[in-house]
Amino acid sequence: STQSTWGSKNLPFCEFAMTAVLYTIGPLFSNRSRTKEREACFESKGAFFQCLDKNTSDCELESKSYLKSCKPSYVRYFNEQRWAQLQEKGVVKSKPTKNATAHFEGKDAIPK
């Protein structure tokens, strides 16, 4: 079989060609799944924050969906941004004692 050198590995030509194709078009497929994950995250974040804006204390379902759909780093960032917006509106007066995320979880989802 014909050998090609790719990096430090000697691969058969067909394996080399397939690897080259995957490195070229592979990110296109993974970006689509990441986009869907981000869309799901943004939708659940919007639903959760909209529920909080209605001043209802029953946002547990939305909270669970938000925490499940979004990466922890996204949740932390979105919650910090939300907290800053609430400060600007005068809804809350100081920074959260622990972290912003703790004030948006479960039954105590509405900052006091």
N, C-alpha and C. Protein backbone atom coordinates (compact mmCIF):
# COMPACT_ATOMS: atom_id res chain seq x y z
N SER A 1 0.84 -1.18 0.00
CA SER A 1 0.00 0.00 0.00
C SER A 1 0.88 1.24 0.00
N THR A 2 0.40 2.29 -0.59
CA THR A 2 1.15 3.54 -0.68
C THR A 2 1.12 4.24 0.67
N GLN A 3 2.29 4.64 1.16
CA GLN A 3 2.39 5.33 2.45
C GLN A 3 2.58 6.82 2.23
N SER A 4 1.95 7.63 3.07
CA SER A 4 2.18 9.07 3.08
C SER A 4 2.59 9.46 4.49
N THR A 5 3.44 10.42 4.58
CA THR A 5 3.85 10.87 5.89
C THR A 5 3.01 12.08 6.25
N TRP A 6 2.35 12.00 7.39
CA TRP A 6 1.54 13.11 7.87
C TRP A 6 1.93 13.34 9.31
N GLY A 7 2.57 14.46 9.58
CA GLY A 7 3.11 14.68 10.91
C GLY A 7 4.19 13.65 11.17
N SER A 8 4.11 12.97 12.28
CA SER A 8 5.12 11.96 12.61
C SER A 8 4.61 10.56 12.34
N LYS A 9 3.42 10.44 11.74
CA LYS A 9 2.80 9.12 11.51
C LYS A 9 2.90 8.73 10.05
N ASN A 10 3.12 7.45 9.81
CA ASN A 10 3.03 6.90 8.46
C ASN A 10 1.66 6.27 8.31
N LEU A 11 0.82 6.87 7.49
CA LEU A 11 -0.53 6.38 7.31
C LEU A 11 -0.72 5.91 5.88
N PRO A 12 -1.57 4.89 5.67
CA PRO A 12 -1.93 4.53 4.30
C PRO A 12 -2.61 5.74 3.65
N PHE A 13 -2.47 5.86 2.34
CA PHE A 13 -2.98 7.04 1.64
C PHE A 13 -4.46 7.29 1.90
N CYS A 14 -5.29 6.23 1.85
CA CYS A 14 -6.74 6.42 2.05
C CYS A 14 -7.02 6.94 3.46
N GLU A 15 -6.29 6.48 4.45
CA GLU A 15 -6.49 6.96 5.82
C GLU A 15 -6.03 8.41 5.93
N PHE A 16 -4.93 8.73 5.26
CA PHE A 16 -4.43 10.10 5.23
C PHE A 16 -5.46 11.04 4.61
N ALA A 17 -6.04 10.61 3.47
CA ALA A 17 -7.02 11.43 2.77
C ALA A 17 -8.27 11.63 3.62
N MET A 18 -8.72 10.56 4.28
CA MET A 18 -9.91 10.65 5.11
C MET A 18 -9.66 11.58 6.30
N THR A 19 -8.50 11.49 6.89
CA THR A 19 -8.15 12.36 8.01
C THR A 19 -8.14 13.82 7.57
N ALA A 20 -7.57 14.08 6.40
CA ALA A 20 -7.53 15.44 5.87
C ALA A 20 -8.95 15.98 5.65
N VAL A 21 -9.84 15.14 5.12
CA VAL A 21 -11.22 15.55 4.88
C VAL A 21 -11.91 15.86 6.21
N LEU A 22 -11.73 15.00 7.21
CA LEU A 22 -12.38 15.22 8.50
C LEU A 22 -11.89 16.50 9.18
N TYR A 23 -10.60 16.79 9.07
CA TYR A 23 -10.08 18.02 9.64
C TYR A 23 -10.60 19.25 8.90
N THR A 24 -10.93 19.07 7.62
CA THR A 24 -11.42 20.19 6.82
C THR A 24 -12.89 20.46 7.06
N ILE A 25 -13.74 19.42 7.01
CA ILE A 25 -15.18 19.63 7.14
C ILE A 25 -15.72 19.27 8.52
N GLY A 26 -14.95 18.62 9.34
CA GLY A 26 -15.40 18.24 10.68
C GLY A 26 -15.93 19.41 11.49
N PRO A 27 -15.21 20.53 11.54
CA PRO A 27 -15.70 21.67 12.32
C PRO A 27 -17.05 22.20 11.85
N LEU A 28 -17.38 22.03 10.57
CA LEU A 28 -18.68 22.49 10.09
C LEU A 28 -19.80 21.75 10.79
N PHE A 29 -19.63 20.45 10.98
CA PHE A 29 -20.66 19.66 11.64
C PHE A 29 -20.72 19.98 13.13
N SER A 30 -19.58 20.11 13.76
CA SER A 30 -19.57 20.38 15.20
C SER A 30 -20.10 21.79 15.49
N ASN A 31 -19.87 22.75 14.59
CA ASN A 31 -20.39 24.10 14.80
C ASN A 31 -21.91 24.12 14.77
N ARG A 32 -22.51 23.28 13.93
CA ARG A 32 -23.97 23.20 13.88
C ARG A 32 -24.54 22.72 15.20
N SER A 33 -23.91 21.70 15.79
CA SER A 33 -24.42 21.20 17.06
C SER A 33 -24.21 22.22 18.16
N ARG A 34 -23.08 22.94 18.12
CA ARG A 34 -22.84 23.99 19.11
C ARG A 34 -23.85 25.12 18.96
N THR A 35 -24.20 25.44 17.72
CA THR A 35 -25.18 26.49 17.48
C THR A 35 -26.53 26.08 18.07
N LYS A 36 -26.92 24.84 17.88
CA LYS A 36 -28.18 24.36 18.44
C LYS A 36 -28.15 24.39 19.96
N GLU A 37 -27.01 24.03 20.54
CA GLU A 37 -26.87 24.08 22.01
C GLU A 37 -27.00 25.51 22.50
N ARG A 38 -26.35 26.45 21.80
CA ARG A 38 -26.43 27.86 22.19
C ARG A 38 -27.85 28.38 22.06
N GLU A 39 -28.54 28.01 20.98
CA GLU A 39 -29.92 28.46 20.79
C GLU A 39 -30.81 27.94 21.91
N ALA A 40 -30.63 26.68 22.28
CA ALA A 40 -31.41 26.11 23.38
C ALA A 40 -31.10 26.83 24.69
N CYS A 41 -29.85 27.16 24.89
CA CYS A 41 -29.44 27.89 26.09
C CYS A 41 -30.10 29.26 26.12
N PHE A 42 -30.02 30.00 25.02
CA PHE A 42 -30.58 31.35 24.98
C PHE A 42 -32.10 31.32 25.14
N GLU A 43 -32.76 30.32 24.56
CA GLU A 43 -34.21 30.20 24.71
C GLU A 43 -34.59 29.93 26.16
N SER A 44 -33.88 29.01 26.81
CA SER A 44 -34.21 28.69 28.20
C SER A 44 -33.86 29.85 29.13
N LYS A 45 -32.78 30.56 28.82
CA LYS A 45 -32.42 31.75 29.61
C LYS A 45 -33.52 32.80 29.49
N GLY A 46 -33.97 33.03 28.27
CA GLY A 46 -35.04 34.01 28.04
C GLY A 46 -36.32 33.64 28.78
N ALA A 47 -36.70 32.38 28.71
CA ALA A 47 -37.91 31.93 29.40
C ALA A 47 -37.77 32.08 30.92
N PHE A 48 -36.60 31.75 31.44
CA PHE A 48 -36.37 31.85 32.88
C PHE A 48 -36.40 33.31 33.34
N PHE A 49 -35.68 34.16 32.65
CA PHE A 49 -35.64 35.56 33.06
C PHE A 49 -36.99 36.24 32.86
N GLN A 50 -37.74 35.83 31.84
CA GLN A 50 -39.08 36.37 31.62
C GLN A 50 -39.99 35.95 32.78
N CYS A 51 -39.85 34.73 33.24
CA CYS A 51 -40.62 34.26 34.39
C CYS A 51 -40.27 35.09 35.62
N LEU A 52 -38.99 35.36 35.82
CA LEU A 52 -38.57 36.18 36.96
C LEU A 52 -39.13 37.60 36.86
N ASP A 53 -39.18 38.13 35.64
CA ASP A 53 -39.70 39.48 35.44
C ASP A 53 -41.18 39.59 35.81
N LYS A 54 -41.90 38.49 35.70
CA LYS A 54 -43.32 38.48 36.06
C LYS A 54 -43.50 38.47 37.57
N ASN A 55 -42.40 38.41 38.31
CA ASN A 55 -42.41 38.37 39.78
C ASN A 55 -43.17 37.17 40.33
N THR A 56 -43.08 36.07 39.62
CA THR A 56 -43.68 34.85 40.14
C THR A 56 -42.62 34.08 40.91
N SER A 57 -43.03 33.41 41.93
CA SER A 57 -42.07 32.64 42.71
C SER A 57 -42.01 31.20 42.24
N ASP A 58 -42.76 30.89 41.18
CA ASP A 58 -42.79 29.52 40.69
C ASP A 58 -42.07 29.43 39.34
N CYS A 59 -40.75 29.61 39.37
CA CYS A 59 -39.95 29.52 38.15
C CYS A 59 -39.01 28.32 38.20
N GLU A 60 -39.35 27.36 39.03
CA GLU A 60 -38.46 26.22 39.23
C GLU A 60 -38.27 25.41 37.94
N LEU A 61 -39.32 25.21 37.18
CA LEU A 61 -39.23 24.46 35.93
C LEU A 61 -38.32 25.19 34.94
N GLU A 62 -38.51 26.49 34.80
CA GLU A 62 -37.68 27.29 33.91
C GLU A 62 -36.23 27.31 34.38
N SER A 63 -36.05 27.38 35.70
CA SER A 63 -34.71 27.38 36.28
C SER A 63 -33.97 26.08 35.95
N LYS A 64 -34.65 24.97 36.11
CA LYS A 64 -34.03 23.67 35.81
C LYS A 64 -33.66 23.57 34.34
N SER A 65 -34.54 24.03 33.47
CA SER A 65 -34.26 24.00 32.04
C SER A 65 -33.06 24.88 31.71
N TYR A 66 -33.00 26.05 32.30
CA TYR A 66 -31.91 27.01 32.10
C TYR A 66 -30.58 26.41 32.56
N LEU A 67 -30.58 25.82 33.75
CA LEU A 67 -29.35 25.24 34.28
C LEU A 67 -28.91 24.00 33.50
N LYS A 68 -29.87 23.29 32.93
CA LYS A 68 -29.55 22.09 32.16
C LYS A 68 -29.07 22.45 30.75
N SER A 69 -29.66 23.48 30.15
CA SER A 69 -29.36 23.83 28.77
C SER A 69 -28.07 24.62 28.60
N CYS A 70 -27.67 25.35 29.63
CA CYS A 70 -26.51 26.25 29.50
C CYS A 70 -25.32 25.73 30.27
N LYS A 71 -24.14 25.99 29.73
CA LYS A 71 -22.91 25.64 30.42
C LYS A 71 -22.80 26.48 31.69
N PRO A 72 -22.18 25.94 32.72
CA PRO A 72 -22.04 26.70 33.98
C PRO A 72 -21.40 28.08 33.78
N SER A 73 -20.44 28.18 32.89
CA SER A 73 -19.81 29.49 32.65
C SER A 73 -20.80 30.47 32.03
N TYR A 74 -21.70 29.98 31.15
CA TYR A 74 -22.72 30.84 30.57
C TYR A 74 -23.70 31.29 31.65
N VAL A 75 -24.12 30.34 32.49
CA VAL A 75 -25.07 30.65 33.56
C VAL A 75 -24.48 31.73 34.47
N ARG A 76 -23.25 31.56 34.86
CA ARG A 76 -22.59 32.54 35.73
C ARG A 76 -22.57 33.92 35.06
N TYR A 77 -22.17 33.95 33.79
CA TYR A 77 -22.11 35.22 33.06
C TYR A 77 -23.49 35.86 32.94
N PHE A 78 -24.50 35.10 32.50
CA PHE A 78 -25.85 35.64 32.33
C PHE A 78 -26.41 36.15 33.66
N ASN A 79 -26.16 35.40 34.72
CA ASN A 79 -26.67 35.81 36.03
C ASN A 79 -25.99 37.09 36.52
N GLU A 80 -24.70 37.20 36.27
CA GLU A 80 -24.00 38.43 36.66
C GLU A 80 -24.53 39.62 35.87
N GLN A 81 -24.79 39.42 34.57
CA GLN A 81 -25.36 40.49 33.76
C GLN A 81 -26.76 40.86 34.24
N ARG A 82 -27.55 39.86 34.58
CA ARG A 82 -28.91 40.11 35.08
C ARG A 82 -28.84 40.89 36.38
N TRP A 83 -27.94 40.50 37.26
CA TRP A 83 -27.80 41.18 38.55
C TRP A 83 -27.43 42.64 38.32
N ALA A 84 -26.52 42.90 37.40
CA ALA A 84 -26.11 44.27 37.09
C ALA A 84 -27.30 45.08 36.56
N GLN A 85 -28.13 44.46 35.72
CA GLN A 85 -29.32 45.14 35.20
C GLN A 85 -30.30 45.45 36.32
N LEU A 86 -30.46 44.52 37.26
CA LEU A 86 -31.36 44.75 38.38
C LEU A 86 -30.84 45.88 39.28
N GLN A 87 -29.52 45.96 39.40
CA GLN A 87 -28.93 47.06 40.17
C GLN A 87 -29.22 48.40 39.50
N GLU A 88 -29.06 48.45 38.18
CA GLU A 88 -29.32 49.69 37.44
C GLU A 88 -30.77 50.12 37.58
N LYS A 89 -31.69 49.16 37.60
CA LYS A 89 -33.11 49.47 37.74
C LYS A 89 -33.48 49.82 39.18
N GLY A 90 -32.59 49.54 40.11
CA GLY A 90 -32.87 49.81 41.51
C GLY A 90 -33.63 48.70 42.22
N VAL A 91 -33.75 47.55 41.58
CA VAL A 91 -34.46 46.42 42.19
C VAL A 91 -33.63 45.83 43.33
N VAL A 92 -32.34 45.76 43.14
CA VAL A 92 -31.42 45.30 44.19
C VAL A 92 -30.42 46.42 44.44
N LYS A 93 -29.91 46.49 45.66
CA LYS A 93 -29.06 47.62 46.01
C LYS A 93 -27.58 47.30 46.10
N SER A 94 -27.24 46.05 46.31
CA SER A 94 -25.82 45.73 46.45
C SER A 94 -25.50 44.44 45.72
N LYS A 95 -24.23 44.13 45.70
CA LYS A 95 -23.80 42.87 45.09
C LYS A 95 -24.31 41.72 45.94
N PRO A 96 -24.53 40.57 45.30
CA PRO A 96 -24.97 39.41 46.08
C PRO A 96 -23.88 38.99 47.06
N THR A 97 -24.31 38.46 48.20
CA THR A 97 -23.34 38.09 49.22
C THR A 97 -22.44 36.94 48.79
N LYS A 98 -23.01 35.93 48.13
CA LYS A 98 -22.19 34.79 47.69
C LYS A 98 -21.78 34.99 46.24
N ASN A 99 -22.72 34.79 45.36
CA ASN A 99 -22.52 35.05 43.94
C ASN A 99 -23.87 35.25 43.29
N ALA A 100 -23.88 35.81 42.13
CA ALA A 100 -25.14 36.14 41.47
C ALA A 100 -25.97 34.89 41.18
N THR A 101 -25.32 33.80 40.87
CA THR A 101 -26.04 32.58 40.51
C THR A 101 -26.93 32.08 41.64
N ALA A 102 -26.47 32.18 42.86
CA ALA A 102 -27.24 31.68 44.00
C ALA A 102 -28.59 32.37 44.12
N HIS A 103 -28.69 33.60 43.66
CA HIS A 103 -29.93 34.35 43.78
C HIS A 103 -30.94 34.06 42.69
N PHE A 104 -30.57 33.24 41.72
CA PHE A 104 -31.46 32.94 40.61
C PHE A 104 -31.83 31.46 40.55
N GLU A 105 -31.62 30.74 41.61
CA GLU A 105 -31.87 29.30 41.57
C GLU A 105 -33.05 28.90 42.47
N GLY A 106 -33.78 27.93 41.98
CA GLY A 106 -34.83 27.29 42.78
C GLY A 106 -35.93 28.23 43.20
N LYS A 107 -36.47 27.99 44.39
CA LYS A 107 -37.62 28.72 44.91
C LYS A 107 -37.29 30.18 45.22
N ASP A 108 -36.02 30.46 45.52
CA ASP A 108 -35.61 31.82 45.86
C ASP A 108 -35.09 32.55 44.64
N ALA A 109 -35.75 32.37 43.51
CA ALA A 109 -35.24 32.90 42.25
C ALA A 109 -35.38 34.42 42.14
N ILE A 110 -36.25 35.02 42.89
CA ILE A 110 -36.42 36.45 42.79
C ILE A 110 -35.53 37.11 43.84
N PRO A 111 -34.62 37.99 43.42
CA PRO A 111 -33.75 38.66 44.38
C PRO A 111 -34.55 39.52 45.34
N LYS A 112 -34.12 39.55 46.57
CA LYS A 112 -34.83 40.33 47.59
C LYS A 112 -34.00 41.48 48.06
